[in-house]
Amino acid sequence: MQPMLASASYDATIRFWDLNRGSALGQMNHKDSQVNAMEFSADGMLLALGCWHNLKLVDMQKQAVVDSTEGNRKLRVERNVTSLFFIPESTKLVSGGEDQTIRLWNSRGSQLQCEKILELPNAVNSVCMGSNSNVVFATDGRGCAYQWDVRTNYLAPFPVRNLHFGEHILSIAASGNLVAGATNHGRILIWDAIYGNAEVKTEGHNDAWDGPVKRPQKCEIQAHRNYATRVRFTPNGERLASTSADGSVCLWDPHSLENLDPVTRFVDDSPNPVGWVWDCAFTSSHQSKYMYSASADGLLRCWEVESARVKMYFRGHNKPITAMTFRDTR
């Protein structure tokens, strides 16, 4: 399977990119709503889209939607699907949304089946998978963070300290024994994940489970002047990237975040304003030699990580990008 890069934009298109030329290999029209989140399946055959009132599956060979929750009363999703991910080496995916739910889906046969629904007190901002593929981390619009064991249905909140008034975590990521969050005040938070017995459970389940429940918050730093929109660990977990409304991507050492200074700061020296940077992704080959980013100027960029210089621009969208996803070779 070749590496794959896709993006969605306010221009009502989804584009699939040639990584060698920076041009679009194909595109889909998507006029019914903006795409908030997107991700390729483990085998690269499907692309999941999180939208308004809708979760969709795109067949990558056909470049067409093959299933959707819209119009299905049993599967219908209320409000925006804000975040999603596929569980590696699986047909299952997890979504979170403004309807205050986290949902576990199965996409077997390119058909969506909802297997579990977990209700939270507030709208879900972000979901990600822990190092244990049975554990889901989530954040909500009131500044709370949670873990959910999808096997036993146990839910355990973990403490978030020193949040400012009106501050909440927009994005969460996990790698090994670290969990990171990015806030709307431009801060990054880091927790240790220590495995033990759960202290909080959802209704109807009494079984014990092994999951990261004691999670001391190691530190928090002011990483950006403005919104920090996303955090992503590099594939080897040695670096943490943060994207921001200030137009930059910063690369941090998550094990010594107290140093306050990023390892690398990626800023395009183009005279045209970049606007908000919404997301980034790293190649897993060549020790994360390259990074892709998506921003409000409608461009995707391929950065050479060592030099922090733009290697290639991906042009085609004529309005801000709302979501991107990258899948490297396995």
Protein backbone atom coordinates (compact mmCIF):
# COMPACT_ATOMS: atom_id res chain seq x y z
CA MET A 1 0.00 0.00 0.00
CA GLN A 2 1.37 3.40 -1.02
CA PRO A 3 1.36 6.38 1.37
CA MET A 4 -1.92 8.30 1.23
CA LEU A 5 -2.77 11.93 1.99
CA ALA A 6 -6.28 13.40 1.94
CA SER A 7 -7.80 16.73 2.94
CA ALA A 8 -11.20 18.40 3.17
CA SER A 9 -11.98 22.08 2.78
CA TYR A 10 -14.67 24.73 3.03
CA ASP A 11 -14.61 24.66 -0.78
CA ALA A 12 -16.85 21.55 -0.47
CA THR A 13 -14.26 19.14 -1.86
CA ILE A 14 -12.20 16.26 -0.53
CA ARG A 15 -8.89 15.85 -2.35
CA PHE A 16 -6.44 12.97 -2.60
CA TRP A 17 -2.84 13.97 -3.21
CA ASP A 18 0.17 12.86 -5.22
CA LEU A 19 2.96 12.94 -2.63
CA ASN A 20 5.67 13.23 -5.28
CA ARG A 21 4.21 16.14 -7.24
CA GLY A 22 1.99 18.01 -4.82
CA SER A 23 -0.98 17.80 -7.18
CA ALA A 24 -4.38 16.21 -6.66
CA LEU A 25 -4.81 12.61 -7.80
CA GLY A 26 -8.57 12.90 -7.46
CA GLN A 27 -11.32 14.72 -5.66
CA MET A 28 -14.84 14.22 -4.31
CA ASN A 29 -17.51 16.85 -3.99
CA HIS A 30 -18.89 17.11 -0.46
CA LYS A 31 -21.50 19.85 -0.35
CA ASP A 32 -23.86 18.80 2.44
CA SER A 33 -21.62 19.89 5.36
CA GLN A 34 -18.04 20.58 6.36
CA VAL A 35 -15.77 17.67 7.26
CA ASN A 36 -14.52 18.01 10.84
CA ALA A 37 -12.37 14.87 11.02
CA MET A 38 -11.13 12.16 8.67
CA GLU A 39 -8.96 9.05 8.85
CA PHE A 40 -7.93 6.11 6.66
CA SER A 41 -8.66 2.57 7.76
CA ALA A 42 -5.80 0.23 8.65
CA ASP A 43 -5.78 -1.36 5.17
CA GLY A 44 -6.24 1.98 3.39
CA MET A 45 -9.41 0.79 1.66
CA LEU A 46 -11.78 3.10 3.56
CA LEU A 47 -11.80 6.75 4.58
CA ALA A 48 -14.02 7.75 7.52
CA LEU A 49 -15.49 11.26 7.55
CA GLY A 50 -16.89 13.02 10.62
CA CYS A 51 -19.48 15.62 9.60
CA TRP A 52 -22.60 17.44 10.75
CA HIS A 53 -25.19 14.87 11.88
CA ASN A 54 -23.24 12.21 10.02
CA LEU A 55 -20.45 9.66 9.97
CA LYS A 56 -19.54 8.44 6.49
CA LEU A 57 -17.40 5.73 4.90
CA VAL A 58 -15.68 6.39 1.59
CA ASP A 59 -14.51 3.51 -0.61
CA MET A 60 -11.04 4.59 -1.72
CA GLN A 61 -11.11 2.57 -4.93
CA LYS A 62 -14.40 4.14 -5.99
CA GLN A 63 -13.71 7.48 -4.25
CA ALA A 64 -17.38 7.50 -3.29
CA VAL A 65 -19.43 7.30 -0.09
CA VAL A 66 -20.55 3.69 0.46
CA ASP A 67 -22.24 4.05 3.84
CA SER A 68 -23.55 6.81 6.08
CA THR A 69 -25.43 7.19 9.35
CA GLU A 70 -27.74 9.77 7.78
CA GLY A 71 -31.29 8.56 7.39
CA ASN A 72 -30.77 5.60 9.72
CA ARG A 73 -32.66 6.14 12.98
CA LYS A 74 -30.66 3.50 14.82
CA LEU A 75 -27.31 4.95 13.77
CA ARG A 76 -28.17 8.64 13.55
CA VAL A 77 -25.63 10.99 15.10
CA GLU A 78 -26.79 14.33 16.45
CA ARG A 79 -24.81 17.51 15.79
CA ASN A 80 -21.14 17.48 14.71
CA VAL A 81 -18.86 14.45 14.75
CA THR A 82 -15.74 16.23 15.99
CA SER A 83 -13.09 13.50 16.21
CA LEU A 84 -12.49 9.91 15.11
CA PHE A 85 -9.85 7.23 14.67
CA PHE A 86 -9.54 3.68 13.38
CA ILE A 87 -8.21 1.05 15.76
CA PRO A 88 -5.02 -0.35 14.13
CA GLU A 89 -5.23 -3.76 12.48
CA SER A 90 -8.98 -3.72 12.96
CA THR A 91 -12.22 -2.82 11.19
CA LYS A 92 -13.33 -0.85 14.24
CA LEU A 93 -13.34 2.90 14.69
CA VAL A 94 -14.19 5.32 17.48
CA SER A 95 -15.93 8.67 17.13
CA GLY A 96 -16.75 11.54 19.47
CA GLY A 97 -19.12 14.41 18.94
CA GLU A 98 -21.16 17.36 20.09
CA ASP A 99 -24.01 15.01 21.03
CA GLN A 100 -21.95 14.18 24.17
CA THR A 101 -21.23 10.61 23.10
CA ILE A 102 -18.27 8.41 22.24
CA ARG A 103 -19.22 5.59 19.89
CA LEU A 104 -17.48 2.36 18.96
CA TRP A 105 -18.24 1.31 15.38
CA ASN A 106 -17.47 -1.67 13.19
CA SER A 107 -16.90 -1.00 9.49
CA ARG A 108 -16.73 -4.64 8.41
CA GLY A 109 -17.96 -5.07 4.84
CA SER A 110 -17.85 -1.28 4.39
CA GLN A 111 -21.04 -1.02 6.46
CA LEU A 112 -21.28 0.94 9.72
CA GLN A 113 -22.54 -0.89 12.79
CA CYS A 114 -22.58 0.86 16.17
CA GLU A 115 -21.41 -1.58 18.85
CA LYS A 116 -21.25 0.66 21.94
CA ILE A 117 -22.26 4.16 22.99
CA LEU A 118 -20.83 6.01 25.99
CA GLU A 119 -22.53 9.20 27.15
CA LEU A 120 -20.51 12.03 28.69
CA PRO A 121 -21.76 15.15 30.51
CA ASN A 122 -20.60 17.54 27.77
CA ALA A 123 -19.76 17.75 24.07
CA VAL A 124 -16.71 15.68 23.09
CA ASN A 125 -13.81 17.67 21.63
CA SER A 126 -11.31 14.92 20.91
CA VAL A 127 -10.78 11.16 21.12
CA CYS A 128 -7.61 9.10 20.72
CA MET A 129 -6.36 5.58 21.40
CA GLY A 130 -3.99 4.71 24.21
CA SER A 131 -1.01 2.39 23.95
CA ASN A 132 -3.49 -0.30 24.96
CA SER A 133 -5.85 -0.53 21.97
CA ASN A 134 -8.78 -1.18 24.31
CA VAL A 135 -8.44 2.20 26.01
CA VAL A 136 -9.89 5.40 24.55
CA PHE A 137 -8.98 8.86 25.85
CA ALA A 138 -11.40 11.76 25.43
CA THR A 139 -11.77 15.43 26.32
CA ASP A 140 -14.90 17.55 26.52
CA GLY A 141 -15.99 21.15 26.21
CA ARG A 142 -15.88 21.82 29.96
CA GLY A 143 -12.20 21.02 30.44
CA CYS A 144 -12.61 17.42 31.62
CA ALA A 145 -10.66 14.38 30.40
CA TYR A 146 -11.62 10.72 30.49
CA GLN A 147 -10.52 7.22 29.66
CA TRP A 148 -12.88 4.49 28.52
CA ASP A 149 -12.15 0.77 28.37
CA VAL A 150 -14.21 -0.45 25.41
CA ARG A 151 -14.08 -4.08 26.57
CA THR A 152 -15.61 -3.63 30.02
CA ASN A 153 -17.28 -0.23 29.49
CA TYR A 154 -15.48 1.24 32.51
CA LEU A 155 -15.14 5.01 32.49
CA ALA A 156 -12.52 6.82 34.58
CA PRO A 157 -12.04 10.60 34.64
CA PHE A 158 -8.56 11.86 35.32
CA PRO A 159 -7.59 15.15 36.90
CA VAL A 160 -6.89 18.26 34.88
CA ARG A 161 -5.37 20.92 37.08
CA ASN A 162 -4.66 24.63 36.69
CA LEU A 163 -7.03 25.28 33.80
CA HIS A 164 -7.88 28.94 33.38
CA PHE A 165 -11.44 30.24 33.23
CA GLY A 166 -12.99 29.18 29.92
CA GLU A 167 -10.04 26.94 29.04
CA HIS A 168 -10.63 23.44 27.72
CA ILE A 169 -8.68 20.74 25.91
CA LEU A 170 -9.24 20.77 22.15
CA SER A 171 -7.03 17.81 21.28
CA ILE A 172 -5.61 14.78 23.07
CA ALA A 173 -2.94 12.27 22.02
CA ALA A 174 -1.21 9.30 23.65
CA SER A 175 2.04 7.43 23.15
CA GLY A 176 3.51 4.82 25.46
CA ASN A 177 3.02 6.03 29.03
CA LEU A 178 2.41 9.66 28.11
CA VAL A 179 -0.83 11.50 27.38
CA ALA A 180 -0.78 15.04 25.96
CA GLY A 181 -3.47 17.68 25.57
CA ALA A 182 -3.67 21.02 23.75
CA THR A 183 -5.93 23.82 24.98
CA ASN A 184 -7.77 26.78 23.50
CA HIS A 185 -5.42 29.02 25.52
CA GLY A 186 -2.37 27.73 23.66
CA ARG A 187 -1.10 25.49 26.43
CA ILE A 188 0.14 21.89 26.34
CA LEU A 189 -0.52 19.53 29.23
CA ILE A 190 1.32 16.25 29.86
CA TRP A 191 0.23 13.34 32.06
CA ASP A 192 1.88 10.11 33.11
CA ALA A 193 -0.18 7.00 32.45
CA ILE A 194 0.19 4.53 35.32
CA TYR A 195 -1.66 1.27 34.95
CA GLY A 196 -3.82 0.00 37.79
CA ASN A 197 -7.40 -0.68 38.85
CA ALA A 198 -10.25 1.51 37.72
CA GLU A 199 -11.97 3.72 40.28
CA VAL A 200 -15.07 4.75 38.30
CA LYS A 201 -17.35 2.56 36.25
CA THR A 202 -20.26 3.04 33.91
CA GLU A 203 -23.66 1.71 34.83
CA GLY A 204 -24.24 -2.02 34.55
CA HIS A 205 -20.64 -3.25 34.73
CA ASN A 206 -18.84 -4.63 37.76
CA ASP A 207 -15.77 -6.26 36.23
CA ALA A 208 -12.24 -5.14 37.00
CA TRP A 209 -9.92 -4.04 34.24
CA ASP A 210 -6.33 -2.99 33.69
CA GLY A 211 -6.09 0.55 32.40
CA PRO A 212 -4.25 3.81 33.04
CA VAL A 213 -6.29 5.32 35.86
CA LYS A 214 -3.80 7.13 38.11
CA ARG A 215 -2.57 9.89 35.93
CA PRO A 216 -0.52 12.60 37.61
CA GLN A 217 -0.31 15.75 35.53
CA LYS A 218 3.42 16.19 35.00
CA CYS A 219 3.49 19.72 33.69
CA GLU A 220 1.83 22.37 31.59
CA ILE A 221 3.47 25.03 29.44
CA GLN A 222 2.42 28.02 27.39
CA ALA A 223 3.29 26.64 23.96
CA HIS A 224 1.55 29.18 21.69
CA ARG A 225 0.19 32.71 21.91
CA ASN A 226 -3.16 31.58 20.58
CA TYR A 227 -5.28 28.44 20.27
CA ALA A 228 -3.33 25.17 20.18
CA THR A 229 -5.48 23.24 17.74
CA ARG A 230 -3.85 19.78 17.74
CA VAL A 231 -1.22 17.64 19.42
CA ARG A 232 0.39 14.67 17.68
CA PHE A 233 3.18 12.35 18.80
CA THR A 234 5.73 11.26 16.24
CA PRO A 235 5.43 7.54 15.41
CA ASN A 236 8.32 6.64 17.73
CA GLY A 237 6.90 8.76 20.56
CA GLU A 238 10.12 10.75 20.98
CA ARG A 239 8.64 14.10 19.92
CA LEU A 240 5.31 15.88 20.33
CA ALA A 241 3.99 18.32 17.74
CA SER A 242 1.50 21.10 18.41
CA THR A 243 -0.35 23.11 15.76
CA SER A 244 -1.81 26.51 16.43
CA ALA A 245 -3.87 29.49 15.34
CA ASP A 246 -0.62 31.48 15.38
CA GLY A 247 0.36 29.84 12.07
CA SER A 248 3.12 27.63 13.45
CA VAL A 249 3.83 24.00 14.23
CA CYS A 250 6.12 23.36 17.20
CA LEU A 251 8.02 20.17 17.94
CA TRP A 252 8.66 19.39 21.61
CA ASP A 253 10.51 16.86 23.73
CA PRO A 254 7.59 15.44 25.74
CA HIS A 255 9.95 14.06 28.38
CA SER A 256 11.40 17.48 29.25
CA LEU A 257 8.61 19.88 28.42
CA GLU A 258 9.62 22.04 31.37
CA ASN A 259 12.45 23.43 29.22
CA LEU A 260 9.76 25.66 27.66
CA ASP A 261 11.51 25.97 24.30
CA PRO A 262 10.47 23.80 21.35
CA VAL A 263 13.02 21.54 19.71
CA THR A 264 11.92 22.96 16.35
CA ARG A 265 9.45 25.63 15.27
CA PHE A 266 8.01 25.36 11.77
CA VAL A 267 6.98 28.71 10.29
CA ASP A 268 6.53 29.32 6.57
CA ASP A 269 8.51 32.39 5.48
CA SER A 270 6.06 33.03 2.63
CA PRO A 271 4.73 36.62 2.56
CA ASN A 272 1.16 35.29 2.43
CA PRO A 273 -0.47 34.67 5.82
CA VAL A 274 -0.81 31.00 6.71
CA GLY A 275 -3.69 31.44 9.12
CA TRP A 276 -4.66 28.69 11.53
CA VAL A 277 -2.76 25.41 11.26
CA TRP A 278 -5.33 22.71 11.93
CA ASP A 279 -3.41 19.45 11.91
CA CYS A 280 -0.15 17.69 11.15
CA ALA A 281 1.15 14.17 10.52
CA PHE A 282 4.57 12.54 10.33
CA THR A 283 5.98 9.89 8.06
CA SER A 284 6.72 6.71 9.97
CA SER A 285 9.50 5.72 7.58
CA HIS A 286 12.93 7.37 7.62
CA GLN A 287 12.58 8.25 11.34
CA SER A 288 9.87 10.86 10.72
CA LYS A 289 11.95 12.72 8.18
CA TYR A 290 8.92 14.57 6.83
CA MET A 291 5.85 16.23 8.32
CA TYR A 292 2.62 17.27 6.60
CA SER A 293 0.50 20.19 7.81
CA ALA A 294 -2.87 21.66 6.82
CA SER A 295 -3.86 25.28 7.30
CA ALA A 296 -6.48 27.94 6.74
CA ASP A 297 -4.77 29.32 3.63
CA GLY A 298 -6.01 26.24 1.76
CA LEU A 299 -2.55 24.68 1.45
CA LEU A 300 -0.99 21.49 2.68
CA ARG A 301 2.74 21.56 3.23
CA CYS A 302 5.38 18.88 3.35
CA TRP A 303 8.16 19.91 5.74
CA GLU A 304 11.63 18.51 6.04
CA VAL A 305 11.82 18.04 9.79
CA GLU A 306 15.59 18.42 10.17
CA SER A 307 15.77 21.77 8.37
CA ALA A 308 12.25 22.98 9.29
CA ARG A 309 11.83 24.07 5.67
CA VAL A 310 8.91 23.52 3.33
CA LYS A 311 9.80 20.82 0.81
CA MET A 312 6.55 20.91 -1.16
CA TYR A 313 3.21 22.72 -1.34
CA PHE A 314 -0.04 20.94 -2.15
CA ARG A 315 -2.27 23.40 -4.01
CA GLY A 316 -5.85 22.90 -5.13
CA HIS A 317 -8.24 23.99 -2.38
CA ASN A 318 -9.47 27.56 -2.74
CA LYS A 319 -10.82 27.88 0.80
CA PRO A 320 -9.51 26.92 4.27
CA ILE A 321 -8.79 23.27 4.98
CA THR A 322 -10.93 21.79 7.76
CA ALA A 323 -9.41 18.30 8.10
CA MET A 324 -6.54 16.16 6.83
CA THR A 325 -5.28 12.62 7.27
CA PHE A 326 -2.11 10.79 6.29
CA ARG A 327 -1.42 7.08 6.13
CA ASP A 328 2.16 5.91 5.61
CA THR A 329 3.26 2.53 4.32
CA ARG A 330 3.15 -0.21 6.94
